[in-house]
Amino acid sequence: MTRISREAENTVNQVIVYDQSKEQADGISNEGEHAECEIRSPYVQIRVLWEELSLLGLTTEAWVMGGDFNAVTSTAERKWGRLPYRTAGNEFVNFINANALLDSTNLGFNFSWSNRRHGNSRMLQKLDRILVNKKWLDAATGWRSRILQRRFYDHSPIIGWFTSIPKPHNIPFRFKTHWIKHESLKVLVKKSWDEPLEDIPIRKTMKKLKRLKETLKIWSWETFGDLRNKK
């Protein structure tokens, strides 16, 4: 899985790419599991950012990219104020299309940034979003993301989540009440508990409980079958 984050400080945009394949592109310094590059101009040299990321070849794996991109994809993503910078928007759209990315941030508020002004000077834009590719959507069943309400800053927080949570492999053991009615349960428990086991007292008790749990699971399957398919 690949994770990309973007941090901005003054006029310098820093992009950090985390890639499990540890691939390296020309013009990006690669150290360990991350690569870094700096873009000095948010408008003239921002195309270098898209080119460097595209060269990493991340479209072959499931990946997600989120943050403040400082660009809109259309005039519909800006409300009030002057028209958006067309070149920056077109290059951002080209990057999205070239890497077969999808904007998953389609829930919540329409705009993620405000200049915090009022009246004729007010401006709203969708600068923040989460981009994913198809392999990410296939791996992350039910993936959704939402723009939340702004409270203290000019940017809105964005949250992403899975609507379908996979069942954990290590499911807690549960004693079934109908087991008590079975005549062989008491004999089974006594036989498992009385079986010799060498260790200090506290660890001996824990090991016996673990052994009994596995014994009961096998016994339940052999006696009652697969209870998950029974109503």
Foldseek 3Di string as FASTA:
>chain_A
DKEKEWDDDDQKIKIKIFDPVQAADPPWDGDDRITIDIARHLQPRLLVVLVRVVRSVCLVAWYKYWDFSVEAQDQVQKDADDGGDVVSNVSVVVSCVVSQKDFQAPAEDSFFFWPPDDDNPTMTGNRTTMITHPNNCVVQPQKHKYFYDDDPDRGTDMDIDRPDDDDDPPDDQDDDPVVVVDPCPVVQLVVLQPPDDDDPVVVNVVVSVVSSSVSVVVVCCVPVNPCVPPD
